[in-house]
Structures are given as C-alpha cells and as structure tokens.
PDB file of N, CA and C in Angstrom:
ATOM      1  N   MET A   1     -14.127   3.023  -4.020  1.00  0.00           N
ATOM      2  CA  MET A   1     -12.732   2.885  -4.340  1.00  0.00           C
ATOM      3  C   MET A   1     -12.105   1.972  -3.287  1.00  0.00           C
ATOM      4  N   GLU A   2     -11.491   0.898  -3.710  1.00  0.00           N
ATOM      5  CA  GLU A   2     -10.931  -0.071  -2.776  1.00  0.00           C
ATOM      6  C   GLU A   2      -9.438  -0.252  -2.981  1.00  0.00           C
ATOM      7  N   GLU A   3      -8.721   0.814  -3.195  1.00  0.00           N
ATOM      8  CA  GLU A   3      -7.291   0.730  -3.411  1.00  0.00           C
ATOM      9  C   GLU A   3      -6.564   0.723  -2.066  1.00  0.00           C
ATOM     10  N   THR A   4      -5.593  -0.184  -1.931  1.00  0.00           N
ATOM     11  CA  THR A   4      -4.768  -0.233  -0.730  1.00  0.00           C
ATOM     12  C   THR A   4      -3.458   0.481  -1.017  1.00  0.00           C
ATOM     13  N   VAL A   5      -3.058   1.368  -0.117  1.00  0.00           N
ATOM     14  CA  VAL A   5      -1.805   2.105  -0.235  1.00  0.00           C
ATOM     15  C   VAL A   5      -1.047   1.983   1.077  1.00  0.00           C
ATOM     16  N   PHE A   6       0.257   2.225   1.026  1.00  0.00           N
ATOM     17  CA  PHE A   6       1.098   2.108   2.211  1.00  0.00           C
ATOM     18  C   PHE A   6       1.785   3.438   2.481  1.00  0.00           C
ATOM     19  N   PHE A   7       1.706   3.878   3.745  1.00  0.00           N
ATOM     20  CA  PHE A   7       2.336   5.121   4.163  1.00  0.00           C
ATOM     21  C   PHE A   7       2.996   4.938   5.516  1.00  0.00           C
ATOM     22  N   ASN A   8       3.999   5.769   5.770  1.00  0.00           N
ATOM     23  CA  ASN A   8       4.582   5.887   7.096  1.00  0.00           C
ATOM     24  C   ASN A   8       3.736   6.931   7.820  1.00  0.00           C
ATOM     25  N   LEU A   9       3.216   6.600   8.988  1.00  0.00           N
ATOM     26  CA  LEU A   9       2.342   7.538   9.715  1.00  0.00           C
ATOM     27  C   LEU A   9       3.018   8.873  10.006  1.00  0.00           C
ATOM     28  N   GLY A  10       4.337   8.887  10.065  1.00  0.00           N
ATOM     29  CA  GLY A  10       5.067  10.131  10.306  1.00  0.00           C
ATOM     30  C   GLY A  10       4.930  11.134   9.171  1.00  0.00           C
ATOM     31  N   ASN A  11       4.498  10.684   7.999  1.00  0.00           N
ATOM     32  CA  ASN A  11       4.332  11.565   6.839  1.00  0.00           C
ATOM     33  C   ASN A  11       2.927  12.144   6.719  1.00  0.00           C
ATOM     34  N   ALA A  12       2.066  11.855   7.667  1.00  0.00           N
ATOM     35  CA  ALA A  12       0.683  12.345   7.610  1.00  0.00           C
ATOM     36  C   ALA A  12       0.654  13.870   7.672  1.00  0.00           C
ATOM     37  N   LEU A  13      -0.202  14.469   6.850  1.00  0.00           N
ATOM     38  CA  LEU A  13      -0.378  15.922   6.855  1.00  0.00           C
ATOM     39  C   LEU A  13      -1.403  16.352   7.890  1.00  0.00           C
ATOM     40  N   ALA A  14      -2.417  15.519   8.100  1.00  0.00           N
ATOM     41  CA  ALA A  14      -3.482  15.833   9.060  1.00  0.00           C
ATOM     42  C   ALA A  14      -4.287  14.568   9.320  1.00  0.00           C
ATOM     43  N   SER A  15      -5.052  14.604  10.402  1.00  0.00           N
ATOM     44  CA  SER A  15      -5.978  13.504  10.693  1.00  0.00           C
ATOM     45  C   SER A  15      -7.171  14.067  11.446  1.00  0.00           C
ATOM     46  N   ASN A  16      -8.309  13.386  11.299  1.00  0.00           N
ATOM     47  CA  ASN A  16      -9.518  13.864  11.948  1.00  0.00           C
ATOM     48  C   ASN A  16     -10.562  12.759  11.915  1.00  0.00           C
ATOM     49  N   PHE A  17     -11.395  12.703  12.947  1.00  0.00           N
ATOM     50  CA  PHE A  17     -12.511  11.761  12.961  1.00  0.00           C
ATOM     51  C   PHE A  17     -13.654  12.261  12.083  1.00  0.00           C
ATOM     52  N   ASP A  18     -13.735  13.580  11.895  1.00  0.00           N
ATOM     53  CA  ASP A  18     -14.775  14.213  11.080  1.00  0.00           C
ATOM     54  C   ASP A  18     -14.291  14.277   9.631  1.00  0.00           C
ATOM     55  N   THR A  19     -14.847  13.443   8.767  1.00  0.00           N
ATOM     56  CA  THR A  19     -14.370  13.375   7.386  1.00  0.00           C
ATOM     57  C   THR A  19     -14.614  14.673   6.620  1.00  0.00           C
ATOM     58  N   LYS A  20     -15.703  15.359   6.897  1.00  0.00           N
ATOM     59  CA  LYS A  20     -15.984  16.631   6.211  1.00  0.00           C
ATOM     60  C   LYS A  20     -14.934  17.682   6.571  1.00  0.00           C
ATOM     61  N   GLU A  21     -14.547  17.720   7.835  1.00  0.00           N
ATOM     62  CA  GLU A  21     -13.520  18.669   8.275  1.00  0.00           C
ATOM     63  C   GLU A  21     -12.172  18.331   7.627  1.00  0.00           C
ATOM     64  N   LEU A  22     -11.856  17.051   7.539  1.00  0.00           N
ATOM     65  CA  LEU A  22     -10.599  16.642   6.911  1.00  0.00           C
ATOM     66  C   LEU A  22     -10.614  16.964   5.414  1.00  0.00           C
ATOM     67  N   GLU A  23     -11.757  16.849   4.774  1.00  0.00           N
ATOM     68  CA  GLU A  23     -11.868  17.230   3.363  1.00  0.00           C
ATOM     69  C   GLU A  23     -11.629  18.724   3.187  1.00  0.00           C
ATOM     70  N   ARG A  24     -12.127  19.539   4.104  1.00  0.00           N
ATOM     71  CA  ARG A  24     -11.868  20.987   4.050  1.00  0.00           C
ATOM     72  C   ARG A  24     -10.373  21.254   4.232  1.00  0.00           C
ATOM     73  N   THR A  25      -9.755  20.569   5.176  1.00  0.00           N
ATOM     74  CA  THR A  25      -8.314  20.709   5.396  1.00  0.00           C
ATOM     75  C   THR A  25      -7.549  20.314   4.134  1.00  0.00           C
ATOM     76  N   ALA A  26      -7.974  19.239   3.491  1.00  0.00           N
ATOM     77  CA  ALA A  26      -7.323  18.775   2.262  1.00  0.00           C
ATOM     78  C   ALA A  26      -7.452  19.811   1.150  1.00  0.00           C
ATOM     79  N   GLN A  27      -8.618  20.421   1.014  1.00  0.00           N
ATOM     80  CA  GLN A  27      -8.821  21.445  -0.015  1.00  0.00           C
ATOM     81  C   GLN A  27      -7.889  22.637   0.220  1.00  0.00           C
ATOM     82  N   ILE A  28      -7.775  23.056   1.472  1.00  0.00           N
ATOM     83  CA  ILE A  28      -6.889  24.180   1.809  1.00  0.00           C
ATOM     84  C   ILE A  28      -5.443  23.815   1.518  1.00  0.00           C
ATOM     85  N   GLU A  29      -5.021  22.633   1.934  1.00  0.00           N
ATOM     86  CA  GLU A  29      -3.645  22.176   1.693  1.00  0.00           C
ATOM     87  C   GLU A  29      -3.377  22.074   0.188  1.00  0.00           C
ATOM     88  N   HIS A  30      -4.342  21.605  -0.556  1.00  0.00           N
ATOM     89  CA  HIS A  30      -4.201  21.476  -2.009  1.00  0.00           C
ATOM     90  C   HIS A  30      -4.011  22.856  -2.647  1.00  0.00           C
ATOM     91  N   LEU A  31      -4.763  23.848  -2.193  1.00  0.00           N
ATOM     92  CA  LEU A  31      -4.612  25.211  -2.707  1.00  0.00           C
ATOM     93  C   LEU A  31      -3.258  25.802  -2.321  1.00  0.00           C
ATOM     94  N   LYS A  32      -2.791  25.527  -1.100  1.00  0.00           N
ATOM     95  CA  LYS A  32      -1.480  26.016  -0.659  1.00  0.00           C
ATOM     96  C   LYS A  32      -0.367  25.487  -1.554  1.00  0.00           C
ATOM     97  N   ARG A  33      -0.557  24.282  -2.048  1.00  0.00           N
ATOM     98  CA  ARG A  33       0.445  23.642  -2.904  1.00  0.00           C
ATOM     99  C   ARG A  33       0.221  23.978  -4.381  1.00  0.00           C
ATOM    100  N   ASN A  34      -0.595  24.981  -4.641  1.00  0.00           N
ATOM    101  CA  ASN A  34      -0.894  25.441  -6.006  1.00  0.00           C
ATOM    102  C   ASN A  34      -1.430  24.324  -6.889  1.00  0.00           C
ATOM    103  N   LYS A  35      -2.187  23.422  -6.289  1.00  0.00           N
ATOM    104  CA  LYS A  35      -2.836  22.314  -7.003  1.00  0.00           C
ATOM    105  C   LYS A  35      -1.844  21.437  -7.756  1.00  0.00           C
ATOM    106  N   LYS A  36      -0.583  21.404  -7.301  1.00  0.00           N
ATOM    107  CA  LYS A  36       0.445  20.626  -7.997  1.00  0.00           C
ATOM    108  C   LYS A  36       0.620  19.226  -7.433  1.00  0.00           C
ATOM    109  N   SER A  37       0.051  18.944  -6.296  1.00  0.00           N
ATOM    110  CA  SER A  37       0.225  17.611  -5.717  1.00  0.00           C
ATOM    111  C   SER A  37      -1.124  16.927  -5.556  1.00  0.00           C
ATOM    112  N   ARG A  38      -1.079  15.614  -5.547  1.00  0.00           N
ATOM    113  CA  ARG A  38      -2.296  14.823  -5.332  1.00  0.00           C
ATOM    114  C   ARG A  38      -2.323  14.411  -3.868  1.00  0.00           C
ATOM    115  N   LEU A  39      -3.405  14.739  -3.207  1.00  0.00           N
ATOM    116  CA  LEU A  39      -3.571  14.373  -1.808  1.00  0.00           C
ATOM    117  C   LEU A  39      -4.571  13.238  -1.720  1.00  0.00           C
ATOM    118  N   VAL A  40      -4.433  12.432  -0.679  1.00  0.00           N
ATOM    119  CA  VAL A  40      -5.304  11.279  -0.533  1.00  0.00           C
ATOM    120  C   VAL A  40      -5.774  11.172   0.913  1.00  0.00           C
ATOM    121  N   ILE A  41      -7.055  10.897   1.083  1.00  0.00           N
ATOM    122  CA  ILE A  41      -7.624  10.643   2.406  1.00  0.00           C
ATOM    123  C   ILE A  41      -7.801   9.140   2.522  1.00  0.00           C
ATOM    124  N   VAL A  42      -7.270   8.581   3.601  1.00  0.00           N
ATOM    125  CA  VAL A  42      -7.290   7.129   3.795  1.00  0.00           C
ATOM    126  C   VAL A  42      -7.827   6.793   5.176  1.00  0.00           C
ATOM    127  N   ASN A  43      -8.149   5.514   5.355  1.00  0.00           N
ATOM    128  CA  ASN A  43      -8.483   5.040   6.696  1.00  0.00           C
ATOM    129  C   ASN A  43      -7.963   3.625   6.860  1.00  0.00           C
ATOM    130  N   ASP A  44      -7.902   3.175   8.096  1.00  0.00           N
ATOM    131  CA  ASP A  44      -7.428   1.836   8.431  1.00  0.00           C
ATOM    132  C   ASP A  44      -8.527   0.842   8.071  1.00  0.00           C
ATOM    133  N   PRO A  45      -8.251  -0.109   7.181  1.00  0.00           N
ATOM    134  CA  PRO A  45      -9.307  -1.044   6.773  1.00  0.00           C
ATOM    135  C   PRO A  45      -9.801  -1.940   7.912  1.00  0.00           C
ATOM    136  N   ASP A  46      -8.972  -2.147   8.926  1.00  0.00           N
ATOM    137  CA  ASP A  46      -9.372  -2.978  10.065  1.00  0.00           C
ATOM    138  C   ASP A  46     -10.220  -2.216  11.071  1.00  0.00           C
ATOM    139  N   SER A  47     -10.140  -0.885  11.039  1.00  0.00           N
ATOM    140  CA  SER A  47     -10.901  -0.043  11.972  1.00  0.00           C
ATOM    141  C   SER A  47     -11.437   1.183  11.240  1.00  0.00           C
ATOM    142  N   PRO A  48     -12.391   1.004  10.329  1.00  0.00           N
ATOM    143  CA  PRO A  48     -12.875   2.147   9.539  1.00  0.00           C
ATOM    144  C   PRO A  48     -13.547   3.238  10.366  1.00  0.00           C
ATOM    145  N   GLU A  49     -13.954   2.924  11.604  1.00  0.00           N
ATOM    146  CA  GLU A  49     -14.584   3.942  12.451  1.00  0.00           C
ATOM    147  C   GLU A  49     -13.547   4.875  13.082  1.00  0.00           C
ATOM    148  N   LYS A  50     -12.266   4.514  12.985  1.00  0.00           N
ATOM    149  CA  LYS A  50     -11.208   5.361  13.538  1.00  0.00           C
ATOM    150  C   LYS A  50     -10.997   6.575  12.638  1.00  0.00           C
ATOM    151  N   GLU A  51     -10.074   7.426  13.043  1.00  0.00           N
ATOM    152  CA  GLU A  51      -9.849   8.661  12.314  1.00  0.00           C
ATOM    153  C   GLU A  51      -9.376   8.422  10.881  1.00  0.00           C
ATOM    154  N   HIS A  52      -9.679   9.374  10.023  1.00  0.00           N
ATOM    155  CA  HIS A  52      -9.204   9.381   8.652  1.00  0.00           C
ATOM    156  C   HIS A  52      -7.923  10.211   8.627  1.00  0.00           C
ATOM    157  N   ILE A  53      -7.034   9.890   7.692  1.00  0.00           N
ATOM    158  CA  ILE A  53      -5.721  10.522   7.652  1.00  0.00           C
ATOM    159  C   ILE A  53      -5.474  11.075   6.256  1.00  0.00           C
ATOM    160  N   LEU A  54      -4.831  12.244   6.195  1.00  0.00           N
ATOM    161  CA  LEU A  54      -4.505  12.906   4.937  1.00  0.00           C
ATOM    162  C   LEU A  54      -3.013  12.756   4.654  1.00  0.00           C
ATOM    163  N   PHE A  55      -2.694  12.282   3.450  1.00  0.00           N
ATOM    164  CA  PHE A  55      -1.310  12.152   3.003  1.00  0.00           C
ATOM    165  C   PHE A  55      -1.157  12.787   1.632  1.00  0.00           C
ATOM    166  N   ASP A  56       0.093  13.147   1.308  1.00  0.00           N
ATOM    167  CA  ASP A  56       0.452  13.499  -0.060  1.00  0.00           C
ATOM    168  C   ASP A  56       0.701  12.167  -0.766  1.00  0.00           C
ATOM    169  N   LEU A  57       0.077  11.942  -1.897  1.00  0.00           N
ATOM    170  CA  LEU A  57       0.192  10.659  -2.587  1.00  0.00           C
ATOM    171  C   LEU A  57       1.635  10.349  -2.980  1.00  0.00           C
ATOM    172  N   SER A  58       2.462  11.367  -3.171  1.00  0.00           N
ATOM    173  CA  SER A  58       3.867  11.135  -3.525  1.00  0.00           C
ATOM    174  C   SER A  58       4.660  10.532  -2.364  1.00  0.00           C
ATOM    175  N   ASP A  59       4.109  10.552  -1.145  1.00  0.00           N
ATOM    176  CA  ASP A  59       4.769   9.941   0.014  1.00  0.00           C
ATOM    177  C   ASP A  59       4.465   8.455   0.139  1.00  0.00           C
ATOM    178  N   GLN A  60       3.714   7.912  -0.814  1.00  0.00           N
ATOM    179  CA  GLN A  60       3.365   6.490  -0.777  1.00  0.00           C
ATOM    180  C   GLN A  60       4.643   5.657  -0.817  1.00  0.00           C
ATOM    181  N   GLU A  61       4.670   4.562  -0.054  1.00  0.00           N
ATOM    182  CA  GLU A  61       5.851   3.711   0.044  1.00  0.00           C
ATOM    183  C   GLU A  61       5.502   2.268  -0.273  1.00  0.00           C
ATOM    184  N   GLU A  62       6.540   1.469  -0.423  1.00  0.00           N
ATOM    185  CA  GLU A  62       6.366   0.030  -0.611  1.00  0.00           C
ATOM    186  C   GLU A  62       6.052  -0.596   0.745  1.00  0.00           C
ATOM    187  N   PRO A  63       5.347  -1.721   0.757  1.00  0.00           N
ATOM    188  CA  PRO A  63       5.059  -2.397   2.034  1.00  0.00           C
ATOM    189  C   PRO A  63       6.352  -2.766   2.764  1.00  0.00           C
ATOM    190  N   SER A  64       6.423  -2.439   4.045  1.00  0.00           N
ATOM    191  CA  SER A  64       7.579  -2.787   4.877  1.00  0.00           C
ATOM    192  C   SER A  64       7.151  -2.755   6.336  1.00  0.00           C
ATOM    193  N   SER A  65       8.103  -3.032   7.220  1.00  0.00           N
ATOM    194  CA  SER A  65       7.786  -3.029   8.654  1.00  0.00           C
ATOM    195  C   SER A  65       7.527  -1.620   9.184  1.00  0.00           C
ATOM    196  N   SER A  66       7.964  -0.588   8.448  1.00  0.00           N
ATOM    197  CA  SER A  66       7.764   0.787   8.918  1.00  0.00           C
ATOM    198  C   SER A  66       6.543   1.457   8.291  1.00  0.00           C
ATOM    199  N   THR A  67       5.808   0.728   7.454  1.00  0.00           N
ATOM    200  CA  THR A  67       4.629   1.312   6.817  1.00  0.00           C
ATOM    201  C   THR A  67       3.358   0.617   7.284  1.00  0.00           C
ATOM    202  N   THR A  68       2.249   1.298   7.082  1.00  0.00           N
ATOM    203  CA  THR A  68       0.932   0.779   7.453  1.00  0.00           C
ATOM    204  C   THR A  68       0.060   0.774   6.203  1.00  0.00           C
ATOM    205  N   SER A  69      -0.774  -0.244   6.063  1.00  0.00           N
ATOM    206  CA  SER A  69      -1.674  -0.285   4.905  1.00  0.00           C
ATOM    207  C   SER A  69      -2.950   0.486   5.228  1.00  0.00           C
ATOM    208  N   PHE A  70      -3.448   1.198   4.231  1.00  0.00           N
ATOM    209  CA  PHE A  70      -4.664   1.989   4.361  1.00  0.00           C
ATOM    210  C   PHE A  70      -5.527   1.781   3.129  1.00  0.00           C
ATOM    211  N   LYS A  71      -6.816   2.022   3.275  1.00  0.00           N
ATOM    212  CA  LYS A  71      -7.748   2.026   2.152  1.00  0.00           C
ATOM    213  C   LYS A  71      -8.025   3.472   1.762  1.00  0.00           C
ATOM    214  N   VAL A  72      -7.963   3.749   0.487  1.00  0.00           N
ATOM    215  CA  VAL A  72      -8.227   5.092  -0.030  1.00  0.00           C
ATOM    216  C   VAL A  72      -9.723   5.371   0.050  1.00  0.00           C
ATOM    217  N   THR A  73     -10.074   6.529   0.611  1.00  0.00           N
ATOM    218  CA  THR A  73     -11.481   6.932   0.628  1.00  0.00           C
ATOM    219  C   THR A  73     -11.741   8.100  -0.325  1.00  0.00           C
ATOM    220  N   LYS A  74     -10.703   8.926  -0.577  1.00  0.00           N
ATOM    221  CA  LYS A  74     -10.884  10.056  -1.495  1.00  0.00           C
ATOM    222  C   LYS A  74      -9.524  10.548  -1.969  1.00  0.00           C
ATOM    223  N   ILE A  75      -9.460  10.926  -3.246  1.00  0.00           N
ATOM    224  CA  ILE A  75      -8.253  11.525  -3.813  1.00  0.00           C
ATOM    225  C   ILE A  75      -8.592  12.959  -4.201  1.00  0.00           C
ATOM    226  N   ILE A  76      -7.720  13.896  -3.823  1.00  0.00           N
ATOM    227  CA  ILE A  76      -7.904  15.308  -4.151  1.00  0.00           C
ATOM    228  C   ILE A  76      -6.858  15.662  -5.199  1.00  0.00           C
ATOM    229  N   GLU A  77      -7.329  16.007  -6.409  1.00  0.00           N
ATOM    230  CA  GLU A  77      -6.403  16.325  -7.503  1.00  0.00           C
ATOM    231  C   GLU A  77      -6.567  17.757  -7.926  1.00  0.00           C
TER     232      GLU A  77
END
C-alpha cells in the first residue's frame, strides 16, 4: 500500500518502533472505540526505519505547513 496521507503529529494516538506492539495497541484502541473508527498505522517515507505512528483516519488533514506526510503501512477497520 503506497498511499500518502497528511496528519498533524499532535493528533497521534500512539507511536512505537516495534510494529507488532503498535498493531496490538491499535487493536485495543479499535475495540475501545467499538469498532466505529478507522485507524491507520503510518511511517515517515524519508525515514522508514524510524518509529511507526497510529492515527485515527478521520484526523487526516490537507497538506499544509502544520502537517507532515506519511506513508500508510496498515489500516485497522
């Protein structure tokens, strides 16, 4: 999946270098929200070895000076 999305880092729900741990966190967060929201795990395309970040997909924004571009690695629906 090579979709680029834009988020404000202040809206991040969680972040972790361990992708499996972040996926577990995403599953728990998804259950807490009664499976009503779509969560997305992203990473910085310029530094894919850096931490992965979890966002609520509804927090996605238009490109601007206050947002950062990310590549989607997984969507939790």
